[in-house]
Protein backbone atom coordinates (compact mmCIF):
# COMPACT_ATOMS: atom_id res chain seq x y z
CA MET A 1 0.00 0.00 0.00
CA LEU A 2 2.86 2.37 0.88
CA PHE A 3 4.56 1.58 -2.43
CA PHE A 4 1.33 2.37 -4.29
CA ILE A 5 0.98 5.75 -2.53
CA ILE A 6 4.61 6.65 -3.30
CA LEU A 7 4.17 5.57 -6.94
CA LEU A 8 0.95 7.58 -7.30
CA SER A 9 2.58 10.64 -5.73
CA ALA A 10 5.54 10.37 -8.08
CA VAL A 11 3.28 10.12 -11.13
CA LEU A 12 1.24 13.13 -10.04
CA ILE A 13 4.33 15.23 -9.37
CA MET A 14 6.07 14.23 -12.61
CA GLY A 15 2.94 14.85 -14.67
CA THR A 16 2.20 18.26 -13.20
CA GLU A 17 3.66 21.42 -14.64
CA PHE A 18 4.42 23.92 -11.91
CA GLN A 19 4.63 27.60 -12.81
CA SER A 20 5.63 30.65 -10.88
CA VAL A 21 3.32 33.66 -10.93
CA GLU A 22 5.66 35.34 -13.42
CA GLU A 23 5.61 32.32 -15.75
CA TYR A 24 1.82 32.22 -15.62
CA TYR A 25 1.57 35.88 -16.64
CA LEU A 26 4.00 35.36 -19.51
CA THR A 27 1.77 32.75 -21.20
CA HIS A 28 2.07 33.29 -24.97
CA ALA A 29 3.95 36.57 -24.45
CA ASP A 30 7.08 35.51 -26.27
CA GLU A 31 5.46 33.61 -29.13
CA ILE A 32 5.60 36.40 -31.72
CA THR A 33 7.68 35.31 -34.69
CA GLU A 34 8.00 36.58 -38.24
CA ASP A 35 5.16 34.28 -39.28
CA SER A 36 2.84 35.04 -36.35
CA ASP A 37 -0.51 36.69 -36.82
CA ARG A 38 -0.66 39.84 -34.73
CA VAL A 39 -3.18 42.15 -33.17
CA TYR A 40 -2.72 45.53 -31.56
CA PHE A 41 -4.44 46.30 -28.27
CA SER A 42 -4.96 49.45 -26.23
CA ILE A 43 -7.11 50.42 -23.24
CA ASN A 44 -8.13 54.05 -22.74
CA CYS A 45 -10.38 55.85 -20.27
CA GLU A 46 -9.71 59.55 -20.97
CA LYS A 47 -13.44 60.33 -21.09
CA ALA A 48 -13.88 58.98 -17.56
CA LEU A 49 -11.23 61.38 -16.28
CA SER A 50 -13.10 64.34 -17.69
CA SER A 51 -16.43 63.25 -16.18
CA GLY A 52 -15.68 64.64 -12.72
CA LYS A 53 -17.40 61.62 -11.14
CA LEU A 54 -14.39 59.57 -10.05
CA SER A 55 -12.91 59.27 -6.59
CA ASP A 56 -9.30 60.20 -5.85
CA ALA A 57 -8.50 56.49 -5.46
CA GLN A 58 -9.91 55.75 -8.92
CA LEU A 59 -8.06 58.66 -10.49
CA LYS A 60 -4.80 57.33 -9.07
CA GLU A 61 -5.36 53.89 -10.68
CA LEU A 62 -6.23 55.24 -14.12
CA ASN A 63 -2.77 56.40 -15.22
CA ASN A 64 -3.89 59.65 -16.89
CA GLY A 65 -6.46 57.80 -18.97
CA GLU A 66 -4.07 55.56 -20.84
CA ILE A 67 -4.26 52.22 -19.08
CA LEU A 68 -2.46 50.39 -21.90
CA LYS A 69 -0.73 52.09 -24.81
CA GLN A 70 -1.21 50.35 -28.14
CA LYS A 71 0.92 47.22 -28.08
CA GLU A 72 1.42 44.25 -30.37
CA TYR A 73 0.35 40.76 -29.28
CA VAL A 74 0.36 37.37 -30.96
CA LEU A 75 -3.01 36.23 -32.31
CA ILE A 76 -3.84 32.59 -31.86
CA GLU A 77 -6.16 31.00 -34.42
CA ASP A 78 -9.90 31.62 -33.87
CA GLU A 79 -9.40 33.99 -30.94
CA THR A 80 -12.08 36.54 -30.17
CA VAL A 81 -11.66 40.07 -28.84
CA PHE A 82 -12.48 38.71 -25.40
CA ASP A 83 -9.94 35.86 -25.61
CA VAL A 84 -7.15 38.31 -26.35
CA LEU A 85 -8.39 40.80 -23.74
CA LYS A 86 -8.22 38.12 -21.04
CA ARG A 87 -4.70 37.17 -22.09
CA VAL A 88 -3.55 40.80 -22.35
CA CYS A 89 -4.99 41.71 -18.94
CA ARG A 90 -3.35 38.66 -17.37
CA PHE A 91 0.01 39.41 -19.00
CA GLU A 92 -0.05 43.15 -18.28
CA LYS A 93 -1.50 42.59 -14.77
CA ILE A 94 -4.54 44.73 -15.47
CA HIS A 95 -7.58 44.06 -13.31
CA MET A 96 -10.61 42.82 -15.27
CA GLU A 97 -14.11 41.73 -14.29
CA TYR A 98 -16.67 40.34 -16.68
CA GLN A 99 -19.98 38.56 -16.85
CA GLY A 100 -19.94 35.27 -18.72
CA ALA A 101 -22.22 34.54 -21.65
CA ASP A 102 -24.16 32.06 -19.52
CA LYS A 103 -25.06 34.79 -17.00
CA ASN A 104 -27.20 37.13 -19.11
CA ILE A 105 -30.17 37.02 -21.45
CA TYR A 106 -28.09 38.11 -24.45
CA ASN A 107 -25.84 35.03 -24.29
CA SER A 108 -22.78 37.23 -24.67
CA VAL A 109 -19.71 38.11 -22.62
CA TYR A 110 -19.91 41.53 -20.99
CA VAL A 111 -16.87 43.39 -19.66
CA GLN A 112 -17.96 45.10 -16.44
CA GLY A 113 -14.67 46.67 -15.35
CA LEU A 114 -11.06 47.23 -16.36
CA ASN A 115 -8.37 48.57 -14.05
CA TYR A 116 -10.98 49.13 -11.31
CA LEU A 117 -13.14 51.36 -13.52
CA TYR A 118 -16.61 49.89 -13.87
CA GLU A 119 -19.80 50.35 -15.82
CA PHE A 120 -21.92 53.17 -14.39
CA ASP A 121 -18.99 54.75 -12.47
CA CYS A 122 -19.42 57.90 -14.56
CA GLY A 123 -23.16 57.85 -15.20
CA GLU A 124 -25.99 55.56 -16.19
CA LEU A 125 -24.75 55.10 -19.77
CA SER A 126 -21.04 54.76 -18.97
CA GLY A 127 -19.05 51.60 -19.52
CA TRP A 128 -16.47 49.80 -21.63
CA VAL A 129 -16.81 49.61 -25.40
CA PHE A 130 -14.43 48.04 -27.89
CA LEU A 131 -13.54 49.21 -31.37
CA VAL A 132 -11.89 47.11 -34.07
CA ASN A 133 -9.96 49.11 -36.62
CA GLY A 134 -11.65 52.28 -35.34
CA LYS A 135 -15.23 51.01 -35.66
CA GLN A 136 -17.83 49.61 -33.29
CA THR A 137 -19.31 46.23 -34.15
CA ASP A 138 -22.70 44.59 -33.74
CA LEU A 139 -21.11 41.53 -32.10
CA SER A 140 -20.11 41.05 -28.49
CA CYS A 141 -16.43 40.81 -27.64
CA GLY A 142 -16.88 37.08 -27.05
CA LYS A 143 -18.14 36.50 -30.59
CA TYR A 144 -16.03 38.89 -32.69
CA LYS A 145 -13.17 36.83 -34.17
CA LEU A 146 -10.00 38.76 -34.86
CA LYS A 147 -7.77 38.55 -37.90
CA ASP A 148 -4.14 39.40 -38.51
CA GLY A 149 -3.40 43.10 -38.15
CA ASP A 150 -6.61 44.11 -36.37
CA LYS A 151 -6.35 47.06 -34.00
CA VAL A 152 -8.53 46.68 -30.91
CA GLU A 153 -9.22 49.64 -28.66
CA TRP A 154 -11.07 49.29 -25.38
CA VAL A 155 -12.48 52.71 -24.59
CA TYR A 156 -14.51 53.91 -21.64
CA SER A 157 -17.61 55.63 -22.96
CA LEU A 158 -19.86 58.04 -21.09
CA GLU A 159 -22.79 57.63 -23.50
CA ALA A 160 -23.03 53.92 -24.38
CA GLY A 161 -20.57 54.37 -27.25
CA LYS A 162 -22.29 57.33 -28.87
CA ASP A 163 -19.48 59.66 -27.75
CA LEU A 164 -16.77 57.69 -29.58
């Protein structure tokens, strides 16, 4: 029995990949090669700063409105805007909260907050909106599939995207 427990423990340890926190955050970060598909991501909340509705603590976290300058990331086949956002936020250590597609009547992923700035923090129509190549889409971030070269901007809107 003791031999079996030792053998089982050895198999579990040998078959488990242990990662440090830093290794976890670097997932896919160094995979860009000449042949890689790429996307460009940025996160901006300049409109929230001008709203006058944020606390001093929130203002401190928002880095003058530019949470993430446009940066290049590898695009993995069939990834959506949301897939890349999750990876980017994990890699860049940016706080993110979202509601899964199974949690709302629209059957779509909804980003509630980025970098501790949430929907409705700056009014009843405020929240996060994404643009692809400078345009809003009719699809949710969990359904919009990206292609090589796409530029994705996450922007905090004060008027449900009408002010972008």
